[in-house]
N, C-alpha and C. Protein backbone atom coordinates (compact mmCIF):
# COMPACT_ATOMS: atom_id res chain seq x y z
N UNK A 1 135.59 20.52 154.97
CA UNK A 1 133.72 20.38 155.87
C UNK A 1 133.55 21.94 155.66
N UNK A 2 132.08 21.98 155.17
CA UNK A 2 131.78 23.48 155.35
C UNK A 2 131.00 23.63 156.78
N UNK A 3 131.32 24.61 157.21
CA UNK A 3 130.64 25.52 158.62
C UNK A 3 128.96 25.83 158.17
N UNK A 4 128.20 25.87 159.51
CA UNK A 4 126.90 25.97 159.32
C UNK A 4 126.79 27.53 158.39
N UNK A 5 127.68 28.21 158.58
CA UNK A 5 127.50 29.91 158.57
C UNK A 5 127.76 30.19 156.95
N UNK A 6 128.45 29.55 156.02
CA UNK A 6 128.67 29.87 155.05
C UNK A 6 128.15 29.07 153.96
N UNK A 7 127.50 30.70 152.92
CA UNK A 7 126.10 30.41 151.76
C UNK A 7 127.22 29.11 150.79
N UNK A 8 126.47 28.77 150.07
CA UNK A 8 126.57 28.02 149.03
C UNK A 8 126.20 28.27 147.58
N UNK A 9 126.63 27.85 146.80
CA UNK A 9 126.30 28.46 144.93
C UNK A 9 125.47 27.77 144.50
N UNK A 10 125.10 27.67 143.46
CA UNK A 10 124.28 27.13 142.32
C UNK A 10 124.97 25.42 142.76
N UNK A 11 126.07 25.02 142.49
CA UNK A 11 126.29 24.18 142.95
C UNK A 11 126.93 23.54 144.05
N UNK A 12 126.54 23.70 145.06
CA UNK A 12 126.63 23.76 146.36
C UNK A 12 128.09 24.06 146.70
N UNK A 13 128.73 24.62 146.26
CA UNK A 13 129.93 25.53 146.66
C UNK A 13 130.20 26.47 147.47
N UNK A 14 130.87 26.76 148.06
CA UNK A 14 130.81 28.10 148.58
C UNK A 14 130.63 29.53 147.91
N UNK A 15 129.93 30.46 148.36
CA UNK A 15 129.83 31.25 147.30
C UNK A 15 130.19 32.37 148.31
N UNK A 16 131.65 33.29 147.76
CA UNK A 16 132.07 34.24 148.50
C UNK A 16 131.27 35.47 148.18
N UNK A 17 130.56 35.32 146.99
CA UNK A 17 130.15 37.01 146.87
C UNK A 17 128.59 37.04 148.00
N UNK A 18 127.92 36.21 148.16
CA UNK A 18 127.00 36.16 148.07
C UNK A 18 126.63 36.32 149.50
N UNK A 19 127.39 36.44 150.58
CA UNK A 19 127.43 37.07 151.93
C UNK A 19 126.86 38.67 151.44
N UNK A 20 128.12 39.09 151.30
CA UNK A 20 128.12 40.77 150.62
C UNK A 20 127.25 41.36 149.69
N UNK A 21 126.57 40.58 148.88
CA UNK A 21 125.53 40.30 148.12
C UNK A 21 124.11 41.40 148.82
N UNK A 22 124.22 40.48 149.47
CA UNK A 22 122.80 40.29 150.46
C UNK A 22 122.18 41.47 151.81
N UNK A 23 123.90 42.26 151.71
CA UNK A 23 123.57 43.25 152.53
C UNK A 23 122.64 45.16 151.98
N UNK A 24 122.43 45.66 152.96
CA UNK A 24 121.49 46.51 152.44
C UNK A 24 122.65 47.56 151.74
N UNK A 25 122.76 48.34 150.96
CA UNK A 25 122.73 49.72 151.24
C UNK A 25 123.64 50.07 151.59
N UNK A 26 122.61 50.48 152.57
CA UNK A 26 123.24 51.60 153.94
C UNK A 26 123.97 50.68 154.18
N UNK A 27 124.18 49.74 154.72
CA UNK A 27 124.89 48.76 155.34
C UNK A 27 126.39 48.81 154.48
N UNK A 28 126.68 49.02 153.66
CA UNK A 28 127.65 49.65 152.82
C UNK A 28 128.01 50.95 152.71
N UNK A 29 127.89 51.92 152.85
CA UNK A 29 128.38 53.08 152.68
C UNK A 29 128.85 52.95 154.03
N UNK A 30 130.04 53.68 154.30
CA UNK A 30 131.14 54.26 155.18
C UNK A 30 130.12 54.39 156.50
N UNK A 31 130.88 54.19 157.78
CA UNK A 31 130.39 54.79 158.87
C UNK A 31 130.09 55.99 159.25
N UNK A 32 131.04 56.79 158.68
CA UNK A 32 130.89 58.89 158.68
C UNK A 32 129.51 59.05 157.85
N UNK A 33 129.24 58.10 156.27
CA UNK A 33 128.03 58.47 155.87
C UNK A 33 127.04 58.19 157.01
N UNK A 34 127.24 56.38 157.33
CA UNK A 34 125.60 56.15 158.03
C UNK A 34 125.59 57.20 159.59
N UNK A 35 126.13 58.00 159.56
CA UNK A 35 126.11 58.92 160.40
C UNK A 35 125.67 59.69 160.36
N UNK A 36 125.83 60.69 159.73
CA UNK A 36 125.39 62.03 158.97
C UNK A 36 124.47 62.13 159.23
N UNK A 37 124.30 63.54 160.18
CA UNK A 37 122.76 63.68 160.01
C UNK A 37 121.82 63.98 158.50
N UNK A 38 120.84 63.89 159.14
CA UNK A 38 119.62 63.32 157.98
C UNK A 38 118.75 65.02 158.21
N UNK A 39 118.75 65.19 159.18
CA UNK A 39 117.48 66.61 158.76
C UNK A 39 118.19 67.46 159.66
N UNK A 40 117.71 68.99 160.16
CA UNK A 40 118.49 69.84 160.59
C UNK A 40 118.13 69.31 162.03
N UNK A 41 117.20 69.21 162.72
CA UNK A 41 116.98 68.72 163.88
C UNK A 41 118.02 67.93 164.42
N UNK A 42 118.99 67.16 163.90
CA UNK A 42 119.74 65.96 163.89
C UNK A 42 121.79 67.20 163.99
N UNK A 43 120.91 67.47 163.12
CA UNK A 43 122.05 68.63 163.19
C UNK A 43 122.78 69.51 164.20
N UNK A 44 124.47 69.60 164.22
CA UNK A 44 125.10 70.06 165.33
C UNK A 44 125.82 70.93 165.10
N UNK A 45 125.50 72.45 165.10
CA UNK A 45 126.04 73.92 165.08
C UNK A 45 125.47 74.46 164.38
N UNK A 46 126.03 75.06 163.50
CA UNK A 46 125.88 76.74 162.56
C UNK A 46 124.60 76.45 162.31
N UNK A 47 124.10 77.17 164.35
CA UNK A 47 122.83 78.03 164.05
C UNK A 47 122.46 79.36 163.51
N UNK A 48 123.70 79.41 163.17
CA UNK A 48 123.73 81.20 162.51
C UNK A 48 122.95 80.35 161.62
N UNK A 49 122.91 79.77 160.62
CA UNK A 49 122.68 79.19 159.31
C UNK A 49 121.30 78.90 159.27
N UNK A 50 121.43 77.40 160.10
CA UNK A 50 120.56 76.90 160.27
C UNK A 50 119.41 76.61 161.21
N UNK A 51 119.93 77.37 162.49
CA UNK A 51 118.17 77.17 163.77
C UNK A 51 117.29 77.24 163.46
N UNK A 52 116.65 77.49 164.37
CA UNK A 52 114.94 77.96 163.88
C UNK A 52 114.76 79.09 163.54
N UNK A 53 114.45 79.26 162.49
CA UNK A 53 113.85 80.87 161.97
C UNK A 53 115.17 81.37 160.98
N UNK A 54 115.73 80.50 160.72
CA UNK A 54 117.32 81.67 160.51
C UNK A 54 116.71 81.04 159.03
N UNK A 55 117.23 81.99 157.79
CA UNK A 55 116.98 82.41 156.50
C UNK A 55 117.12 81.18 156.05
N UNK A 56 118.28 80.86 155.93
CA UNK A 56 118.67 78.99 155.35
C UNK A 56 117.45 78.16 155.30
N UNK A 57 117.25 78.23 156.52
CA UNK A 57 116.43 77.06 157.41
C UNK A 57 114.96 77.69 156.49
N UNK A 58 114.58 78.62 156.37
CA UNK A 58 113.47 79.22 156.39
C UNK A 58 113.15 78.48 154.76
N UNK A 59 113.76 79.09 154.17
CA UNK A 59 114.11 79.04 152.41
C UNK A 59 113.75 77.20 152.48
N UNK A 60 114.69 76.26 152.58
CA UNK A 60 115.11 75.02 152.89
C UNK A 60 113.03 74.33 152.88
N UNK A 61 112.18 74.81 154.01
CA UNK A 61 111.20 74.19 154.64
C UNK A 61 110.52 75.01 153.97
N UNK A 62 110.96 75.69 153.48
CA UNK A 62 109.37 76.70 152.47
C UNK A 62 109.98 76.14 150.99
N UNK A 63 111.08 75.21 150.53
CA UNK A 63 111.17 74.86 149.01
C UNK A 63 110.90 75.97 148.91
N UNK A 64 111.90 77.18 148.90
CA UNK A 64 111.99 78.32 147.70
C UNK A 64 113.35 78.82 148.07
N UNK A 65 114.52 77.84 147.95
CA UNK A 65 115.74 78.01 147.92
C UNK A 65 116.90 78.26 146.84
N UNK A 66 117.60 79.17 146.93
CA UNK A 66 117.74 79.85 145.52
C UNK A 66 118.98 79.34 145.03
N UNK A 67 120.41 80.19 144.83
CA UNK A 67 121.63 79.70 144.68
C UNK A 67 122.05 80.32 145.74
N UNK A 68 122.83 79.28 146.49
CA UNK A 68 124.09 79.44 148.04
C UNK A 68 125.34 79.09 147.48
N UNK A 69 126.54 79.61 148.45
CA UNK A 69 127.62 79.46 148.64
C UNK A 69 128.04 78.71 150.04
N UNK A 70 128.23 77.87 150.27
CA UNK A 70 128.83 76.86 151.64
C UNK A 70 130.00 77.20 151.10
N UNK A 71 130.57 77.90 152.15
CA UNK A 71 131.90 78.15 152.48
C UNK A 71 132.65 77.97 153.61
N UNK A 72 133.75 77.18 154.18
CA UNK A 72 134.11 77.46 154.67
C UNK A 72 135.74 75.80 155.51
N UNK A 73 135.97 75.95 156.36
CA UNK A 73 137.38 74.60 156.39
C UNK A 73 136.05 73.80 156.24
N UNK A 74 137.53 72.61 155.93
CA UNK A 74 136.99 70.82 156.17
C UNK A 74 136.13 71.03 157.62
N UNK A 75 135.60 69.69 157.76
CA UNK A 75 134.83 69.38 158.84
C UNK A 75 133.77 70.51 159.24
N UNK A 76 133.36 71.44 158.54
CA UNK A 76 132.24 72.43 159.33
C UNK A 76 131.06 72.11 158.93
N UNK A 77 130.65 71.03 158.01
CA UNK A 77 129.02 70.78 158.13
C UNK A 77 128.41 70.81 156.96
N UNK A 78 129.54 72.02 156.12
CA UNK A 78 129.30 72.08 154.27
C UNK A 78 128.19 70.71 153.18
N UNK A 79 129.39 70.29 153.35
CA UNK A 79 128.46 68.35 152.49
C UNK A 79 127.19 68.23 153.33
N UNK A 80 127.22 68.22 154.12
CA UNK A 80 126.26 67.67 155.27
C UNK A 80 124.76 68.23 155.42
N UNK A 81 125.00 69.85 155.30
CA UNK A 81 124.06 70.71 155.15
C UNK A 81 123.56 70.80 153.93
N UNK A 82 124.13 70.63 152.50
CA UNK A 82 123.64 70.09 151.19
C UNK A 82 122.86 68.97 151.08
N UNK A 83 123.34 67.84 151.70
CA UNK A 83 121.91 66.36 151.83
C UNK A 83 121.28 66.28 152.88
N UNK A 84 121.22 67.67 153.85
CA UNK A 84 120.20 67.73 154.25
C UNK A 84 119.17 68.65 153.61
N UNK A 85 119.37 69.66 152.77
CA UNK A 85 118.94 70.46 152.49
C UNK A 85 118.20 69.57 150.70
N UNK A 86 118.87 68.68 150.47
CA UNK A 86 118.21 67.30 149.63
C UNK A 86 117.00 66.53 150.08
N UNK A 87 117.35 65.90 151.27
CA UNK A 87 116.45 65.65 151.93
C UNK A 87 115.37 66.44 152.08
N UNK A 88 115.32 67.89 152.64
CA UNK A 88 114.29 68.20 152.90
C UNK A 88 113.26 69.10 151.92
N UNK A 89 114.07 68.96 150.70
CA UNK A 89 113.09 69.66 149.52
C UNK A 89 113.05 68.93 148.52
N UNK A 90 112.14 69.73 147.44
CA UNK A 90 111.51 68.75 146.66
C UNK A 90 112.25 68.04 145.25
N UNK A 91 112.68 68.94 145.42
CA UNK A 91 113.74 69.37 143.79
C UNK A 91 115.17 68.31 143.47
N UNK A 92 114.88 68.00 142.39
CA UNK A 92 116.07 66.75 142.32
C UNK A 92 117.28 67.37 142.77
N UNK A 93 118.13 66.26 143.60
CA UNK A 93 119.60 66.90 144.09
C UNK A 93 120.43 66.37 142.69
N UNK A 94 121.75 67.13 142.28
CA UNK A 94 122.65 66.43 141.80
C UNK A 94 123.89 66.80 142.21
N UNK A 95 124.86 66.02 142.89
CA UNK A 95 125.88 66.09 143.28
C UNK A 95 127.03 66.16 142.61
N UNK A 96 128.01 67.11 142.38
CA UNK A 96 129.42 66.82 141.13
C UNK A 96 130.32 66.99 142.04
N UNK A 97 131.34 66.77 141.77
CA UNK A 97 132.22 66.80 142.57
C UNK A 97 132.94 67.25 141.71
N UNK A 98 133.95 68.61 142.03
CA UNK A 98 134.72 69.26 140.74
C UNK A 98 136.39 69.49 140.67
N UNK A 99 136.74 67.86 141.60
CA UNK A 99 137.82 68.04 141.20
C UNK A 99 137.83 66.44 140.20
N UNK A 100 136.56 65.97 140.43
CA UNK A 100 137.04 64.64 139.31
C UNK A 100 135.41 64.76 138.31
N UNK A 101 134.65 65.57 138.46
CA UNK A 101 133.73 65.55 137.15
C UNK A 101 134.37 67.18 136.37
N UNK A 102 133.70 66.75 135.36
CA UNK A 102 134.22 68.09 134.37
C UNK A 102 133.04 69.16 133.74
N UNK A 103 133.24 69.67 132.39
CA UNK A 103 132.24 70.29 132.19
C UNK A 103 131.40 69.18 131.44
N UNK A 104 131.64 68.55 130.73
CA UNK A 104 131.04 67.65 130.08
C UNK A 104 130.28 67.16 130.98
N UNK A 105 129.90 66.08 132.13
CA UNK A 105 129.24 66.40 133.73
C UNK A 105 128.55 67.55 133.65
N UNK A 106 128.96 68.25 134.02
CA UNK A 106 128.13 69.69 134.08
C UNK A 106 126.85 70.13 132.74
N UNK A 107 127.68 69.98 132.03
CA UNK A 107 126.55 70.84 131.12
C UNK A 107 125.40 69.31 130.75
N UNK A 108 125.73 68.37 131.46
CA UNK A 108 124.61 67.18 131.33
C UNK A 108 123.53 67.40 132.38
N UNK A 109 123.48 68.00 133.45
CA UNK A 109 123.04 68.46 134.47
C UNK A 109 122.21 69.53 133.57
N UNK A 110 122.85 70.06 133.65
CA UNK A 110 122.22 72.03 133.30
C UNK A 110 121.26 71.16 131.75
N UNK A 111 121.20 70.50 131.25
CA UNK A 111 120.34 70.15 130.27
C UNK A 111 119.65 69.21 130.59
N UNK A 112 119.54 68.53 131.44
CA UNK A 112 118.52 67.44 131.80
C UNK A 112 117.83 68.60 132.75
N UNK A 113 118.51 70.08 133.54
CA UNK A 113 117.79 70.81 134.60
C UNK A 113 116.66 71.31 133.36
N UNK A 114 117.25 71.92 132.03
CA UNK A 114 116.38 72.76 131.79
C UNK A 114 115.16 71.78 130.85
N UNK A 115 115.17 69.75 130.75
CA UNK A 115 114.40 69.45 129.94
C UNK A 115 113.08 69.41 130.64
N UNK A 116 112.84 69.66 132.28
CA UNK A 116 112.29 69.06 133.20
C UNK A 116 111.14 69.97 132.76
N UNK A 117 110.00 69.49 133.60
CA UNK A 117 108.90 70.48 133.89
C UNK A 117 108.91 71.62 134.64
N UNK A 118 108.26 73.02 134.06
CA UNK A 118 108.66 74.61 134.48
C UNK A 118 108.79 74.42 135.88
N UNK A 119 107.77 73.65 136.57
CA UNK A 119 107.56 73.92 138.37
C UNK A 119 109.12 72.93 139.04
N UNK A 120 109.84 71.90 138.76
CA UNK A 120 110.61 70.88 138.73
C UNK A 120 111.98 72.26 138.83
N UNK A 121 112.69 71.71 139.96
CA UNK A 121 113.53 72.23 140.18
C UNK A 121 114.60 71.40 140.49
N UNK A 122 115.87 72.03 140.08
CA UNK A 122 117.09 71.08 140.17
C UNK A 122 117.89 71.79 141.22
N UNK A 123 118.76 71.09 142.58
CA UNK A 123 119.48 72.06 143.32
C UNK A 123 120.93 71.28 142.71
N UNK A 124 121.52 71.87 142.51
CA UNK A 124 123.42 71.61 142.17
C UNK A 124 124.08 71.76 143.05
N UNK A 125 125.16 70.31 143.78
CA UNK A 125 126.01 71.02 144.99
C UNK A 125 127.19 70.62 143.99
N UNK A 126 128.00 71.13 143.78
CA UNK A 126 129.26 70.95 143.63
C UNK A 126 130.42 71.50 144.78
N UNK A 127 130.64 70.03 145.05
CA UNK A 127 132.02 69.60 146.18
C UNK A 127 133.16 69.85 145.87
N UNK A 128 133.80 70.49 146.84
CA UNK A 128 135.47 70.82 146.06
C UNK A 128 135.83 71.74 145.16
N UNK A 129 134.96 73.07 145.23
CA UNK A 129 135.24 73.96 143.96
C UNK A 129 136.40 74.60 144.43
N UNK A 130 136.85 74.40 145.71
CA UNK A 130 138.60 75.44 146.20
C UNK A 130 139.51 74.36 145.13
N UNK A 131 139.05 73.43 145.31
CA UNK A 131 140.63 71.82 144.83
C UNK A 131 140.29 72.14 143.09
N UNK A 132 139.30 72.89 142.37
CA UNK A 132 139.18 72.10 141.19
C UNK A 132 140.28 74.12 140.56
N UNK A 133 140.38 73.45 139.60
CA UNK A 133 141.39 74.71 138.90
C UNK A 133 140.45 75.66 138.15
N UNK A 134 141.65 76.93 138.33
CA UNK A 134 140.04 78.33 137.83
C UNK A 134 139.99 78.45 136.73
N UNK A 135 140.45 77.60 135.68
CA UNK A 135 140.06 77.72 134.49
C UNK A 135 138.33 77.21 134.58
N UNK A 136 138.56 75.76 135.06
CA UNK A 136 137.23 74.71 135.28
C UNK A 136 135.97 75.46 136.10
N UNK A 137 136.70 76.32 137.34
CA UNK A 137 135.21 77.44 137.95
C UNK A 137 134.87 78.51 136.89
N UNK A 138 135.71 79.07 136.20
CA UNK A 138 135.20 80.23 134.94
C UNK A 138 134.22 79.56 134.28
N UNK A 139 134.24 78.01 133.57
CA UNK A 139 133.72 77.49 132.80
C UNK A 139 132.47 77.06 133.80
N UNK A 140 131.94 77.17 134.95
CA UNK A 140 131.00 77.33 135.39
C UNK A 140 130.39 78.18 135.68
N UNK A 141 130.92 79.03 135.25
CA UNK A 141 130.02 80.62 135.78
C UNK A 141 128.90 80.56 135.00
N UNK A 142 128.56 80.16 133.88
CA UNK A 142 127.41 80.40 133.24
C UNK A 142 126.10 79.51 133.72
N UNK A 143 126.33 78.50 134.69
CA UNK A 143 125.38 77.99 135.50
C UNK A 143 124.85 79.00 136.67
N UNK A 144 125.47 79.57 137.08
CA UNK A 144 124.98 80.45 138.19
C UNK A 144 123.89 81.88 137.65
N UNK A 145 123.88 81.75 136.16
CA UNK A 145 123.10 82.56 135.17
C UNK A 145 121.59 81.83 134.87
N UNK A 146 121.36 80.34 134.91
CA UNK A 146 120.92 79.46 134.46
C UNK A 146 119.59 79.48 135.24
N UNK A 147 118.64 79.52 134.52
CA UNK A 147 117.23 80.17 135.57
C UNK A 147 116.82 78.63 136.50
N UNK A 148 117.55 77.45 134.85
CA UNK A 148 116.97 76.20 135.70
C UNK A 148 117.35 75.44 136.80
N UNK A 149 118.66 75.45 137.23
CA UNK A 149 119.56 75.26 137.84
C UNK A 149 119.85 76.51 138.90
N UNK A 150 119.74 75.72 140.88
CA UNK A 150 119.88 76.62 141.82
C UNK A 150 121.32 76.19 142.69
């Protein structure tokens, strides 16, 4: 006998996957991701970088951000700040993982940025650069000289 809370498939049988498929994308994200601040106002700390009137915050609010490097120990907010920048800017935001993604993925992002209209910007966030191999980091050096990717 089936309980009232179970869902049924097409043939009336319980469908193991129907409950999970109806959940929103937000509900499937890990709790830490759902709790992550989405605006500068929600972010606690790093006032010297993103406080009212500070250079980084002014650049983001004016949508005039160039290349930046966020450096620091784990848990200091580098990824969160990058996500806030993605939410606050009109640029296309692309995230790569230096450990998992290679030169091929990097070239794809740069090529796509070059094909965009001249007034559109691409912001590329490369996470875990410190864990990537030195050789791969050197290969990424051409990115910093590319005017289409900031």
